[in-house]
Amino acid sequence: MKKTIIAIVACVLSLGAWAQNDNQTTNNKDGMQTVKFKTSAVCEMCKETLEKAMAYEKGVKESNLNVDSKILSITFDPKKTSIEKLKIAVSKTGYDADELPAEPKAYEHLNACCKKDAVH
């Protein structure tokens, strides 16, 4: 019975670690974490908009959007914010964050060049 309980606990803990790695989370030496989200950003204006919005989020040290890969990297203090809060912040800016879709109202306020169907 004890072995079964230990096995179940080990599985649950490993699932939690796996779920965090879904966002490519890394721990930095200074206590900060870096997370990467796949976004719907398409241009340099998207980069500027997202990086500026992330600068105003509590606990965010830096952010960088690679426009070609659409990957947003955010370095943050896990004591001040969470991965989920950062995803929501990206969504409220008008962009998808992994599986979380952009908030419709925020998306509608994006410039035409920043829409998903924009031609570049």
PDB file of N, CA and C in Angstrom:
ATOM      1  N   MET A   1       0.823  -1.198   0.000  1.00  0.00           N
ATOM      2  CA  MET A   1       0.000   0.000   0.000  1.00  0.00           C
ATOM      3  C   MET A   1       0.869   1.265   0.000  1.00  0.00           C
ATOM      4  N   LYS A   2       1.929   1.267   0.824  1.00  0.00           N
ATOM      5  CA  LYS A   2       2.813   2.435   0.885  1.00  0.00           C
ATOM      6  C   LYS A   2       3.482   2.684  -0.463  1.00  0.00           C
ATOM      7  N   LYS A   3       3.874   1.599  -1.137  1.00  0.00           N
ATOM      8  CA  LYS A   3       4.538   1.741  -2.436  1.00  0.00           C
ATOM      9  C   LYS A   3       3.592   2.363  -3.461  1.00  0.00           C
ATOM     10  N   THR A   4       2.328   2.003  -3.391  1.00  0.00           N
ATOM     11  CA  THR A   4       1.334   2.560  -4.309  1.00  0.00           C
ATOM     12  C   THR A   4       1.170   4.055  -4.079  1.00  0.00           C
ATOM     13  N   ILE A   5       1.076   4.447  -2.822  1.00  0.00           N
ATOM     14  CA  ILE A   5       0.925   5.866  -2.486  1.00  0.00           C
ATOM     15  C   ILE A   5       2.157   6.650  -2.923  1.00  0.00           C
ATOM     16  N   ILE A   6       3.331   6.106  -2.677  1.00  0.00           N
ATOM     17  CA  ILE A   6       4.569   6.780  -3.076  1.00  0.00           C
ATOM     18  C   ILE A   6       4.629   6.917  -4.595  1.00  0.00           C
ATOM     19  N   ALA A   7       4.214   5.885  -5.308  1.00  0.00           N
ATOM     20  CA  ALA A   7       4.215   5.936  -6.771  1.00  0.00           C
ATOM     21  C   ALA A   7       3.247   6.998  -7.284  1.00  0.00           C
ATOM     22  N   ILE A   8       2.078   7.098  -6.659  1.00  0.00           N
ATOM     23  CA  ILE A   8       1.087   8.096  -7.068  1.00  0.00           C
ATOM     24  C   ILE A   8       1.614   9.504  -6.814  1.00  0.00           C
ATOM     25  N   VAL A   9       2.201   9.722  -5.650  1.00  0.00           N
ATOM     26  CA  VAL A   9       2.762  11.036  -5.315  1.00  0.00           C
ATOM     27  C   VAL A   9       3.875  11.399  -6.302  1.00  0.00           C
ATOM     28  N   ALA A  10       4.728  10.447  -6.629  1.00  0.00           N
ATOM     29  CA  ALA A  10       5.813  10.699  -7.579  1.00  0.00           C
ATOM     30  C   ALA A  10       5.257  11.075  -8.951  1.00  0.00           C
ATOM     31  N   CYS A  11       4.203  10.402  -9.371  1.00  0.00           N
ATOM     32  CA  CYS A  11       3.576  10.716 -10.667  1.00  0.00           C
ATOM     33  C   CYS A  11       2.994  12.122 -10.670  1.00  0.00           C
ATOM     34  N   VAL A  12       2.304  12.476  -9.594  1.00  0.00           N
ATOM     35  CA  VAL A  12       1.696  13.803  -9.503  1.00  0.00           C
ATOM     36  C   VAL A  12       2.770  14.886  -9.539  1.00  0.00           C
ATOM     37  N   LEU A  13       3.843  14.687  -8.797  1.00  0.00           N
ATOM     38  CA  LEU A  13       4.923  15.676  -8.782  1.00  0.00           C
ATOM     39  C   LEU A  13       5.595  15.788 -10.147  1.00  0.00           C
ATOM     40  N   SER A  14       5.786  14.676 -10.815  1.00  0.00           N
ATOM     41  CA  SER A  14       6.424  14.735 -12.129  1.00  0.00           C
ATOM     42  C   SER A  14       5.513  15.393 -13.158  1.00  0.00           C
ATOM     43  N   LEU A  15       4.192  15.239 -13.018  1.00  0.00           N
ATOM     44  CA  LEU A  15       3.259  15.918 -13.917  1.00  0.00           C
ATOM     45  C   LEU A  15       3.334  17.427 -13.736  1.00  0.00           C
ATOM     46  N   GLY A  16       3.480  17.875 -12.497  1.00  0.00           N
ATOM     47  CA  GLY A  16       3.616  19.309 -12.229  1.00  0.00           C
ATOM     48  C   GLY A  16       4.866  19.877 -12.874  1.00  0.00           C
ATOM     49  N   ALA A  17       5.957  19.150 -12.775  1.00  0.00           N
ATOM     50  CA  ALA A  17       7.201  19.599 -13.398  1.00  0.00           C
ATOM     51  C   ALA A  17       7.074  19.602 -14.915  1.00  0.00           C
ATOM     52  N   TRP A  18       6.410  18.600 -15.460  1.00  0.00           N
ATOM     53  CA  TRP A  18       6.205  18.523 -16.906  1.00  0.00           C
ATOM     54  C   TRP A  18       5.341  19.678 -17.392  1.00  0.00           C
ATOM     55  N   ALA A  19       4.312  20.021 -16.636  1.00  0.00           N
ATOM     56  CA  ALA A  19       3.418  21.115 -17.026  1.00  0.00           C
ATOM     57  C   ALA A  19       4.180  22.432 -17.087  1.00  0.00           C
ATOM     58  N   GLN A  20       5.094  22.659 -16.160  1.00  0.00           N
ATOM     59  CA  GLN A  20       5.877  23.895 -16.194  1.00  0.00           C
ATOM     60  C   GLN A  20       6.803  23.922 -17.396  1.00  0.00           C
ATOM     61  N   ASN A  21       7.361  22.781 -17.769  1.00  0.00           N
ATOM     62  CA  ASN A  21       8.266  22.734 -18.909  1.00  0.00           C
ATOM     63  C   ASN A  21       7.537  22.931 -20.223  1.00  0.00           C
ATOM     64  N   ASP A  22       6.219  22.825 -20.214  1.00  0.00           N
ATOM     65  CA  ASP A  22       5.416  23.083 -21.399  1.00  0.00           C
ATOM     66  C   ASP A  22       5.685  24.495 -21.915  1.00  0.00           C
ATOM     67  N   ASN A  23       5.929  25.438 -21.024  1.00  0.00           N
ATOM     68  CA  ASN A  23       6.188  26.830 -21.381  1.00  0.00           C
ATOM     69  C   ASN A  23       7.675  27.123 -21.488  1.00  0.00           C
ATOM     70  N   GLN A  24       8.492  26.090 -21.458  1.00  0.00           N
ATOM     71  CA  GLN A  24       9.935  26.250 -21.515  1.00  0.00           C
ATOM     72  C   GLN A  24      10.418  27.198 -20.422  1.00  0.00           C
ATOM     73  N   THR A  25      10.109  26.858 -19.189  1.00  0.00           N
ATOM     74  CA  THR A  25      10.505  27.671 -18.046  1.00  0.00           C
ATOM     75  C   THR A  25      11.907  27.285 -17.599  1.00  0.00           C
ATOM     76  N   THR A  26      12.739  28.293 -17.336  1.00  0.00           N
ATOM     77  CA  THR A  26      14.069  28.040 -16.797  1.00  0.00           C
ATOM     78  C   THR A  26      14.274  28.902 -15.561  1.00  0.00           C
ATOM     79  N   ASN A  27      15.003  28.360 -14.604  1.00  0.00           N
ATOM     80  CA  ASN A  27      15.340  29.096 -13.386  1.00  0.00           C
ATOM     81  C   ASN A  27      16.718  29.714 -13.564  1.00  0.00           C
ATOM     82  N   ASN A  28      16.844  30.986 -13.251  1.00  0.00           N
ATOM     83  CA  ASN A  28      18.116  31.691 -13.350  1.00  0.00           C
ATOM     84  C   ASN A  28      18.801  31.699 -11.991  1.00  0.00           C
ATOM     85  N   LYS A  29      20.096  31.956 -11.987  1.00  0.00           N
ATOM     86  CA  LYS A  29      20.875  31.950 -10.749  1.00  0.00           C
ATOM     87  C   LYS A  29      20.446  33.033  -9.770  1.00  0.00           C
ATOM     88  N   ASP A  30      19.906  34.128 -10.264  1.00  0.00           N
ATOM     89  CA  ASP A  30      19.529  35.248  -9.406  1.00  0.00           C
ATOM     90  C   ASP A  30      18.122  35.116  -8.823  1.00  0.00           C
ATOM     91  N   GLY A  31      17.520  33.930  -8.915  1.00  0.00           N
ATOM     92  CA  GLY A  31      16.180  33.717  -8.372  1.00  0.00           C
ATOM     93  C   GLY A  31      15.069  34.060  -9.339  1.00  0.00           C
ATOM     94  N   MET A  32      15.430  34.611 -10.473  1.00  0.00           N
ATOM     95  CA  MET A  32      14.444  34.942 -11.497  1.00  0.00           C
ATOM     96  C   MET A  32      14.146  33.692 -12.326  1.00  0.00           C
ATOM     97  N   GLN A  33      13.016  33.722 -13.021  1.00  0.00           N
ATOM     98  CA  GLN A  33      12.663  32.658 -13.953  1.00  0.00           C
ATOM     99  C   GLN A  33      12.465  33.268 -15.329  1.00  0.00           C
ATOM    100  N   THR A  34      12.712  32.468 -16.349  1.00  0.00           N
ATOM    101  CA  THR A  34      12.436  32.887 -17.717  1.00  0.00           C
ATOM    102  C   THR A  34      11.456  31.900 -18.320  1.00  0.00           C
ATOM    103  N   VAL A  35      10.397  32.435 -18.905  1.00  0.00           N
ATOM    104  CA  VAL A  35       9.370  31.607 -19.535  1.00  0.00           C
ATOM    105  C   VAL A  35       9.231  32.038 -20.986  1.00  0.00           C
ATOM    106  N   LYS A  36       8.868  31.102 -21.846  1.00  0.00           N
ATOM    107  CA  LYS A  36       8.687  31.401 -23.268  1.00  0.00           C
ATOM    108  C   LYS A  36       7.276  31.009 -23.684  1.00  0.00           C
ATOM    109  N   PHE A  37       6.599  31.946 -24.351  1.00  0.00           N
ATOM    110  CA  PHE A  37       5.255  31.717 -24.867  1.00  0.00           C
ATOM    111  C   PHE A  37       5.263  31.840 -26.383  1.00  0.00           C
ATOM    112  N   LYS A  38       4.494  31.006 -27.038  1.00  0.00           N
ATOM    113  CA  LYS A  38       4.236  31.157 -28.474  1.00  0.00           C
ATOM    114  C   LYS A  38       3.110  32.172 -28.596  1.00  0.00           C
ATOM    115  N   THR A  39       3.332  33.216 -29.374  1.00  0.00           N
ATOM    116  CA  THR A  39       2.343  34.288 -29.511  1.00  0.00           C
ATOM    117  C   THR A  39       1.797  34.343 -30.938  1.00  0.00           C
ATOM    118  N   SER A  40       0.860  35.238 -31.145  1.00  0.00           N
ATOM    119  CA  SER A  40       0.310  35.477 -32.482  1.00  0.00           C
ATOM    120  C   SER A  40       0.901  36.743 -33.099  1.00  0.00           C
ATOM    121  N   ALA A  41       1.983  37.253 -32.527  1.00  0.00           N
ATOM    122  CA  ALA A  41       2.626  38.478 -33.020  1.00  0.00           C
ATOM    123  C   ALA A  41       3.186  38.256 -34.425  1.00  0.00           C
ATOM    124  N   VAL A  42       3.108  39.297 -35.265  1.00  0.00           N
ATOM    125  CA  VAL A  42       3.521  39.137 -36.661  1.00  0.00           C
ATOM    126  C   VAL A  42       4.513  40.189 -37.172  1.00  0.00           C
ATOM    127  N   CYS A  43       4.755  41.259 -36.404  1.00  0.00           N
ATOM    128  CA  CYS A  43       5.603  42.324 -36.954  1.00  0.00           C
ATOM    129  C   CYS A  43       6.373  43.055 -35.846  1.00  0.00           C
ATOM    130  N   GLU A  44       7.176  44.015 -36.269  1.00  0.00           N
ATOM    131  CA  GLU A  44       7.976  44.797 -35.321  1.00  0.00           C
ATOM    132  C   GLU A  44       7.102  45.648 -34.398  1.00  0.00           C
ATOM    133  N   MET A  45       5.957  46.098 -34.891  1.00  0.00           N
ATOM    134  CA  MET A  45       5.056  46.869 -34.040  1.00  0.00           C
ATOM    135  C   MET A  45       4.492  45.968 -32.931  1.00  0.00           C
ATOM    136  N   CYS A  46       4.219  44.713 -33.264  1.00  0.00           N
ATOM    137  CA  CYS A  46       3.771  43.743 -32.256  1.00  0.00           C
ATOM    138  C   CYS A  46       4.849  43.598 -31.179  1.00  0.00           C
ATOM    139  N   LYS A  47       6.090  43.499 -31.627  1.00  0.00           N
ATOM    140  CA  LYS A  47       7.222  43.370 -30.706  1.00  0.00           C
ATOM    141  C   LYS A  47       7.251  44.545 -29.737  1.00  0.00           C
ATOM    142  N   GLU A  48       7.146  45.742 -30.286  1.00  0.00           N
ATOM    143  CA  GLU A  48       7.163  46.955 -29.465  1.00  0.00           C
ATOM    144  C   GLU A  48       5.992  46.965 -28.477  1.00  0.00           C
ATOM    145  N   THR A  49       4.807  46.609 -28.955  1.00  0.00           N
ATOM    146  CA  THR A  49       3.604  46.617 -28.116  1.00  0.00           C
ATOM    147  C   THR A  49       3.717  45.613 -26.973  1.00  0.00           C
ATOM    148  N   LEU A  50       4.117  44.387 -27.295  1.00  0.00           N
ATOM    149  CA  LEU A  50       4.216  43.347 -26.266  1.00  0.00           C
ATOM    150  C   LEU A  50       5.308  43.654 -25.246  1.00  0.00           C
ATOM    151  N   GLU A  51       6.477  44.049 -25.715  1.00  0.00           N
ATOM    152  CA  GLU A  51       7.578  44.331 -24.795  1.00  0.00           C
ATOM    153  C   GLU A  51       7.249  45.512 -23.885  1.00  0.00           C
ATOM    154  N   LYS A  52       6.576  46.519 -24.410  1.00  0.00           N
ATOM    155  CA  LYS A  52       6.178  47.669 -23.592  1.00  0.00           C
ATOM    156  C   LYS A  52       5.140  47.244 -22.553  1.00  0.00           C
ATOM    157  N   ALA A  53       4.166  46.439 -22.967  1.00  0.00           N
ATOM    158  CA  ALA A  53       3.134  45.976 -22.032  1.00  0.00           C
ATOM    159  C   ALA A  53       3.744  45.125 -20.922  1.00  0.00           C
ATOM    160  N   MET A  54       4.693  44.279 -21.258  1.00  0.00           N
ATOM    161  CA  MET A  54       5.320  43.420 -20.249  1.00  0.00           C
ATOM    162  C   MET A  54       6.165  44.237 -19.272  1.00  0.00           C
ATOM    163  N   ALA A  55       6.715  45.355 -19.737  1.00  0.00           N
ATOM    164  CA  ALA A  55       7.521  46.214 -18.862  1.00  0.00           C
ATOM    165  C   ALA A  55       6.686  46.779 -17.717  1.00  0.00           C
ATOM    166  N   TYR A  56       5.378  46.901 -17.923  1.00  0.00           N
ATOM    167  CA  TYR A  56       4.492  47.433 -16.887  1.00  0.00           C
ATOM    168  C   TYR A  56       3.947  46.352 -15.959  1.00  0.00           C
ATOM    169  N   GLU A  57       4.238  45.096 -16.243  1.00  0.00           N
ATOM    170  CA  GLU A  57       3.751  44.012 -15.392  1.00  0.00           C
ATOM    171  C   GLU A  57       4.645  43.866 -14.166  1.00  0.00           C
ATOM    172  N   LYS A  58       4.011  43.732 -13.018  1.00  0.00           N
ATOM    173  CA  LYS A  58       4.734  43.589 -11.760  1.00  0.00           C
ATOM    174  C   LYS A  58       5.615  42.343 -11.804  1.00  0.00           C
ATOM    175  N   GLY A  59       6.866  42.503 -11.431  1.00  0.00           N
ATOM    176  CA  GLY A  59       7.791  41.382 -11.338  1.00  0.00           C
ATOM    177  C   GLY A  59       8.555  41.064 -12.606  1.00  0.00           C
ATOM    178  N   VAL A  60       8.224  41.709 -13.717  1.00  0.00           N
ATOM    179  CA  VAL A  60       8.913  41.429 -14.977  1.00  0.00           C
ATOM    180  C   VAL A  60      10.207  42.228 -15.036  1.00  0.00           C
ATOM    181  N   LYS A  61      11.307  41.518 -15.241  1.00  0.00           N
ATOM    182  CA  LYS A  61      12.608  42.164 -15.343  1.00  0.00           C
ATOM    183  C   LYS A  61      12.899  42.556 -16.790  1.00  0.00           C
ATOM    184  N   GLU A  62      12.613  41.648 -17.729  1.00  0.00           N
ATOM    185  CA  GLU A  62      12.814  41.954 -19.140  1.00  0.00           C
ATOM    186  C   GLU A  62      11.974  41.021 -19.999  1.00  0.00           C
ATOM    187  N   SER A  63      11.733  41.465 -21.228  1.00  0.00           N
ATOM    188  CA  SER A  63      11.014  40.628 -22.189  1.00  0.00           C
ATOM    189  C   SER A  63      11.591  40.873 -23.569  1.00  0.00           C
ATOM    190  N   ASN A  64      11.497  39.851 -24.404  1.00  0.00           N
ATOM    191  CA  ASN A  64      12.013  39.960 -25.759  1.00  0.00           C
ATOM    192  C   ASN A  64      11.177  39.072 -26.673  1.00  0.00           C
ATOM    193  N   LEU A  65      10.668  39.653 -27.745  1.00  0.00           N
ATOM    194  CA  LEU A  65       9.899  38.899 -28.729  1.00  0.00           C
ATOM    195  C   LEU A  65      10.755  38.648 -29.957  1.00  0.00           C
ATOM    196  N   ASN A  66      10.894  37.392 -30.330  1.00  0.00           N
ATOM    197  CA  ASN A  66      11.523  37.026 -31.587  1.00  0.00           C
ATOM    198  C   ASN A  66      10.403  36.983 -32.619  1.00  0.00           C
ATOM    199  N   VAL A  67      10.353  37.956 -33.495  1.00  0.00           N
ATOM    200  CA  VAL A  67       9.249  38.088 -34.446  1.00  0.00           C
ATOM    201  C   VAL A  67       9.198  36.895 -35.402  1.00  0.00           C
ATOM    202  N   ASP A  68      10.351  36.399 -35.830  1.00  0.00           N
ATOM    203  CA  ASP A  68      10.371  35.282 -36.779  1.00  0.00           C
ATOM    204  C   ASP A  68       9.752  34.016 -36.192  1.00  0.00           C
ATOM    205  N   SER A  69      10.105  33.690 -34.959  1.00  0.00           N
ATOM    206  CA  SER A  69       9.576  32.471 -34.329  1.00  0.00           C
ATOM    207  C   SER A  69       8.283  32.721 -33.555  1.00  0.00           C
ATOM    208  N   LYS A  70       7.956  34.006 -33.320  1.00  0.00           N
ATOM    209  CA  LYS A  70       6.780  34.421 -32.548  1.00  0.00           C
ATOM    210  C   LYS A  70       6.878  33.994 -31.080  1.00  0.00           C
ATOM    211  N   ILE A  71       8.100  33.795 -30.587  1.00  0.00           N
ATOM    212  CA  ILE A  71       8.321  33.384 -29.201  1.00  0.00           C
ATOM    213  C   ILE A  71       8.641  34.613 -28.352  1.00  0.00           C
ATOM    214  N   LEU A  72       7.844  34.794 -27.301  1.00  0.00           N
ATOM    215  CA  LEU A  72       8.060  35.874 -26.338  1.00  0.00           C
ATOM    216  C   LEU A  72       8.749  35.286 -25.113  1.00  0.00           C
ATOM    217  N   SER A  73       9.947  35.759 -24.806  1.00  0.00           N
ATOM    218  CA  SER A  73      10.692  35.336 -23.617  1.00  0.00           C
ATOM    219  C   SER A  73      10.529  36.407 -22.552  1.00  0.00           C
ATOM    220  N   ILE A  74      10.132  35.981 -21.353  1.00  0.00           N
ATOM    221  CA  ILE A  74       9.925  36.923 -20.252  1.00  0.00           C
ATOM    222  C   ILE A  74      10.724  36.449 -19.048  1.00  0.00           C
ATOM    223  N   THR A  75      11.576  37.321 -18.523  1.00  0.00           N
ATOM    224  CA  THR A  75      12.303  37.040 -17.290  1.00  0.00           C
ATOM    225  C   THR A  75      11.582  37.774 -16.175  1.00  0.00           C
ATOM    226  N   PHE A  76      11.219  37.023 -15.120  1.00  0.00           N
ATOM    227  CA  PHE A  76      10.384  37.593 -14.068  1.00  0.00           C
ATOM    228  C   PHE A  76      10.748  37.031 -12.699  1.00  0.00           C
ATOM    229  N   ASP A  77      10.272  37.734 -11.665  1.00  0.00           N
ATOM    230  CA  ASP A  77      10.454  37.312 -10.280  1.00  0.00           C
ATOM    231  C   ASP A  77       9.238  36.475  -9.881  1.00  0.00           C
ATOM    232  N   PRO A  78       9.412  35.168  -9.644  1.00  0.00           N
ATOM    233  CA  PRO A  78       8.270  34.313  -9.307  1.00  0.00           C
ATOM    234  C   PRO A  78       7.625  34.649  -7.965  1.00  0.00           C
ATOM    235  N   LYS A  79       8.276  35.487  -7.160  1.00  0.00           N
ATOM    236  CA  LYS A  79       7.678  35.917  -5.892  1.00  0.00           C
ATOM    237  C   LYS A  79       6.653  37.029  -6.117  1.00  0.00           C
ATOM    238  N   LYS A  80       6.730  37.687  -7.282  1.00  0.00           N
ATOM    239  CA  LYS A  80       5.862  38.836  -7.552  1.00  0.00           C
ATOM    240  C   LYS A  80       4.782  38.565  -8.595  1.00  0.00           C
ATOM    241  N   THR A  81       4.971  37.547  -9.425  1.00  0.00           N
ATOM    242  CA  THR A  81       3.972  37.216 -10.448  1.00  0.00           C
ATOM    243  C   THR A  81       4.075  35.739 -10.780  1.00  0.00           C
ATOM    244  N   SER A  82       3.210  35.289 -11.666  1.00  0.00           N
ATOM    245  CA  SER A  82       3.193  33.869 -12.035  1.00  0.00           C
ATOM    246  C   SER A  82       3.110  33.725 -13.551  1.00  0.00           C
ATOM    247  N   ILE A  83       3.364  32.524 -14.011  1.00  0.00           N
ATOM    248  CA  ILE A  83       3.272  32.246 -15.444  1.00  0.00           C
ATOM    249  C   ILE A  83       1.859  32.518 -15.936  1.00  0.00           C
ATOM    250  N   GLU A  84       0.867  32.098 -15.166  1.00  0.00           N
ATOM    251  CA  GLU A  84      -0.530  32.292 -15.570  1.00  0.00           C
ATOM    252  C   GLU A  84      -0.869  33.786 -15.684  1.00  0.00           C
ATOM    253  N   LYS A  85      -0.407  34.594 -14.728  1.00  0.00           N
ATOM    254  CA  LYS A  85      -0.666  36.039 -14.788  1.00  0.00           C
ATOM    255  C   LYS A  85      -0.006  36.664 -16.017  1.00  0.00           C
ATOM    256  N   LEU A  86       1.172  36.180 -16.367  1.00  0.00           N
ATOM    257  CA  LEU A  86       1.861  36.711 -17.543  1.00  0.00           C
ATOM    258  C   LEU A  86       1.129  36.330 -18.825  1.00  0.00           C
ATOM    259  N   LYS A  87       0.619  35.110 -18.883  1.00  0.00           N
ATOM    260  CA  LYS A  87      -0.179  34.696 -20.051  1.00  0.00           C
ATOM    261  C   LYS A  87      -1.408  35.591 -20.202  1.00  0.00           C
ATOM    262  N   ILE A  88      -2.064  35.855 -19.087  1.00  0.00           N
ATOM    263  CA  ILE A  88      -3.253  36.712 -19.111  1.00  0.00           C
ATOM    264  C   ILE A  88      -2.878  38.119 -19.578  1.00  0.00           C
ATOM    265  N   ALA A  89      -1.736  38.616 -19.126  1.00  0.00           N
ATOM    266  CA  ALA A  89      -1.287  39.952 -19.544  1.00  0.00           C
ATOM    267  C   ALA A  89      -1.046  40.002 -21.053  1.00  0.00           C
ATOM    268  N   VAL A  90      -0.463  38.952 -21.607  1.00  0.00           N
ATOM    269  CA  VAL A  90      -0.247  38.891 -23.058  1.00  0.00           C
ATOM    270  C   VAL A  90      -1.594  38.889 -23.772  1.00  0.00           C
ATOM    271  N   SER A  91      -2.528  38.089 -23.269  1.00  0.00           N
ATOM    272  CA  SER A  91      -3.869  38.005 -23.861  1.00  0.00           C
ATOM    273  C   SER A  91      -4.581  39.353 -23.812  1.00  0.00           C
ATOM    274  N   LYS A  92      -4.453  40.062 -22.693  1.00  0.00           N
ATOM    275  CA  LYS A  92      -5.100  41.367 -22.546  1.00  0.00           C
ATOM    276  C   LYS A  92      -4.462  42.427 -23.444  1.00  0.00           C
ATOM    277  N   THR A  93      -3.275  42.141 -23.950  1.00  0.00           N
ATOM    278  CA  THR A  93      -2.613  43.052 -24.878  1.00  0.00           C
ATOM    279  C   THR A  93      -3.127  42.841 -26.303  1.00  0.00           C
ATOM    280  N   GLY A  94      -3.803  41.710 -26.529  1.00  0.00           N
ATOM    281  CA  GLY A  94      -4.388  41.440 -27.839  1.00  0.00           C
ATOM    282  C   GLY A  94      -3.739  40.301 -28.603  1.00  0.00           C
ATOM    283  N   TYR A  95      -2.873  39.554 -27.936  1.00  0.00           N
ATOM    284  CA  TYR A  95      -2.142  38.472 -28.594  1.00  0.00           C
ATOM    285  C   TYR A  95      -2.411  37.140 -27.899  1.00  0.00           C
ATOM    286  N   ASP A  96      -2.317  36.048 -28.668  1.00  0.00           N
ATOM    287  CA  ASP A  96      -2.412  34.709 -28.090  1.00  0.00           C
ATOM    288  C   ASP A  96      -1.163  34.457 -27.255  1.00  0.00           C
ATOM    289  N   ALA A  97      -1.311  33.652 -26.207  1.00  0.00           N
ATOM    290  CA  ALA A  97      -0.180  33.209 -25.390  1.00  0.00           C
ATOM    291  C   ALA A  97      -0.316  31.703 -25.221  1.00  0.00           C
ATOM    292  N   ASP A  98       0.429  30.954 -26.005  1.00  0.00           N
ATOM    293  CA  ASP A  98       0.285  29.500 -26.075  1.00  0.00           C
ATOM    294  C   ASP A  98      -1.163  29.167 -26.401  1.00  0.00           C
ATOM    295  N   GLU A  99      -1.822  28.411 -25.530  1.00  0.00           N
ATOM    296  CA  GLU A  99      -3.202  27.985 -25.803  1.00  0.00           C
ATOM    297  C   GLU A  99      -4.242  29.033 -25.408  1.00  0.00           C
ATOM    298  N   LEU A 100      -3.836  30.089 -24.712  1.00  0.00           N
ATOM    299  CA  LEU A 100      -4.762  31.137 -24.280  1.00  0.00           C
ATOM    300  C   LEU A 100      -4.962  32.145 -25.418  1.00  0.00           C
ATOM    301  N   PRO A 101      -6.185  32.255 -25.935  1.00  0.00           N
ATOM    302  CA  PRO A 101      -6.408  33.186 -27.052  1.00  0.00           C
ATOM    303  C   PRO A 101      -6.402  34.646 -26.590  1.00  0.00           C
ATOM    304  N   ALA A 102      -6.166  35.518 -27.537  1.00  0.00           N
ATOM    305  CA  ALA A 102      -6.198  36.959 -27.269  1.00  0.00           C
ATOM    306  C   ALA A 102      -7.601  37.375 -26.863  1.00  0.00           C
ATOM    307  N   GLU A 103      -7.680  38.357 -25.963  1.00  0.00           N
ATOM    308  CA  GLU A 103      -8.991  38.893 -25.603  1.00  0.00           C
ATOM    309  C   GLU A 103      -9.547  39.616 -26.829  1.00  0.00           C
ATOM    310  N   PRO A 104     -10.785  39.315 -27.213  1.00  0.00           N
ATOM    311  CA  PRO A 104     -11.361  39.892 -28.438  1.00  0.00           C
ATOM    312  C   PRO A 104     -11.324  41.420 -28.500  1.00  0.00           C
ATOM    313  N   LYS A 105     -11.671  42.098 -27.404  1.00  0.00           N
ATOM    314  CA  LYS A 105     -11.671  43.570 -27.423  1.00  0.00           C
ATOM    315  C   LYS A 105     -10.265  44.116 -27.637  1.00  0.00           C
ATOM    316  N   ALA A 106      -9.289  43.525 -26.961  1.00  0.00           N
ATOM    317  CA  ALA A 106      -7.904  43.975 -27.109  1.00  0.00           C
ATOM    318  C   ALA A 106      -7.408  43.699 -28.525  1.00  0.00           C
ATOM    319  N   TYR A 107      -7.770  42.545 -29.065  1.00  0.00           N
ATOM    320  CA  TYR A 107      -7.366  42.198 -30.429  1.00  0.00           C
ATOM    321  C   TYR A 107      -7.926  43.202 -31.434  1.00  0.00           C
ATOM    322  N   GLU A 108      -9.162  43.601 -31.255  1.00  0.00           N
ATOM    323  CA  GLU A 108      -9.791  44.555 -32.173  1.00  0.00           C
ATOM    324  C   GLU A 108      -9.100  45.915 -32.143  1.00  0.00           C
ATOM    325  N   HIS A 109      -8.472  46.264 -31.030  1.00  0.00           N
ATOM    326  CA  HIS A 109      -7.785  47.555 -30.914  1.00  0.00           C
ATOM    327  C   HIS A 109      -6.364  47.536 -31.482  1.00  0.00           C
ATOM    328  N   LEU A 110      -5.868  46.362 -31.889  1.00  0.00           N
ATOM    329  CA  LEU A 110      -4.534  46.296 -32.483  1.00  0.00           C
ATOM    330  C   LEU A 110      -4.533  46.993 -33.837  1.00  0.00           C
ATOM    331  N   ASN A 111      -3.380  47.505 -34.228  1.00  0.00           N
ATOM    332  CA  ASN A 111      -3.234  48.082 -35.564  1.00  0.00           C
ATOM    333  C   ASN A 111      -3.458  46.992 -36.609  1.00  0.00           C
ATOM    334  N   ALA A 112      -3.848  47.385 -37.798  1.00  0.00           N
ATOM    335  CA  ALA A 112      -4.142  46.423 -38.868  1.00  0.00           C
ATOM    336  C   ALA A 112      -2.949  45.516 -39.167  1.00  0.00           C
ATOM    337  N   CYS A 113      -1.742  46.059 -39.073  1.00  0.00           N
ATOM    338  CA  CYS A 113      -0.555  45.254 -39.374  1.00  0.00           C
ATOM    339  C   CYS A 113      -0.294  44.182 -38.320  1.00  0.00           C
ATOM    340  N   CYS A 114      -0.928  44.295 -37.165  1.00  0.00           N
ATOM    341  CA  CYS A 114      -0.706  43.355 -36.066  1.00  0.00           C
ATOM    342  C   CYS A 114      -1.763  42.247 -35.993  1.00  0.00           C
ATOM    343  N   LYS A 115      -2.737  42.286 -36.867  1.00  0.00           N
ATOM    344  CA  LYS A 115      -3.778  41.258 -36.871  1.00  0.00           C
ATOM    345  C   LYS A 115      -3.210  39.959 -37.443  1.00  0.00           C
ATOM    346  N   LYS A 116      -3.790  38.852 -37.035  1.00  0.00           N
ATOM    347  CA  LYS A 116      -3.305  37.532 -37.460  1.00  0.00           C
ATOM    348  C   LYS A 116      -3.340  37.351 -38.971  1.00  0.00           C
ATOM    349  N   ASP A 117      -4.298  37.961 -39.624  1.00  0.00           N
ATOM    350  CA  ASP A 117      -4.431  37.792 -41.073  1.00  0.00           C
ATOM    351  C   ASP A 117      -3.718  38.887 -41.872  1.00  0.00           C
ATOM    352  N   ALA A 118      -2.902  39.701 -41.208  1.00  0.00           N
ATOM    353  CA  ALA A 118      -2.181  40.784 -41.888  1.00  0.00           C
ATOM    354  C   ALA A 118      -1.152  40.203 -42.856  1.00  0.00           C
ATOM    355  N   VAL A 119      -1.003  40.858 -43.993  1.00  0.00           N
ATOM    356  CA  VAL A 119      -0.030  40.434 -44.998  1.00  0.00           C
ATOM    357  C   VAL A 119       1.225  41.282 -44.830  1.00  0.00           C
ATOM    358  N   HIS A 120       2.360  40.613 -44.689  1.00  0.00           N
ATOM    359  CA  HIS A 120       3.635  41.331 -44.515  1.00  0.00           C
ATOM    360  C   HIS A 120       4.583  40.994 -45.624  1.00  0.00           C
TER     361      HIS A 120
END
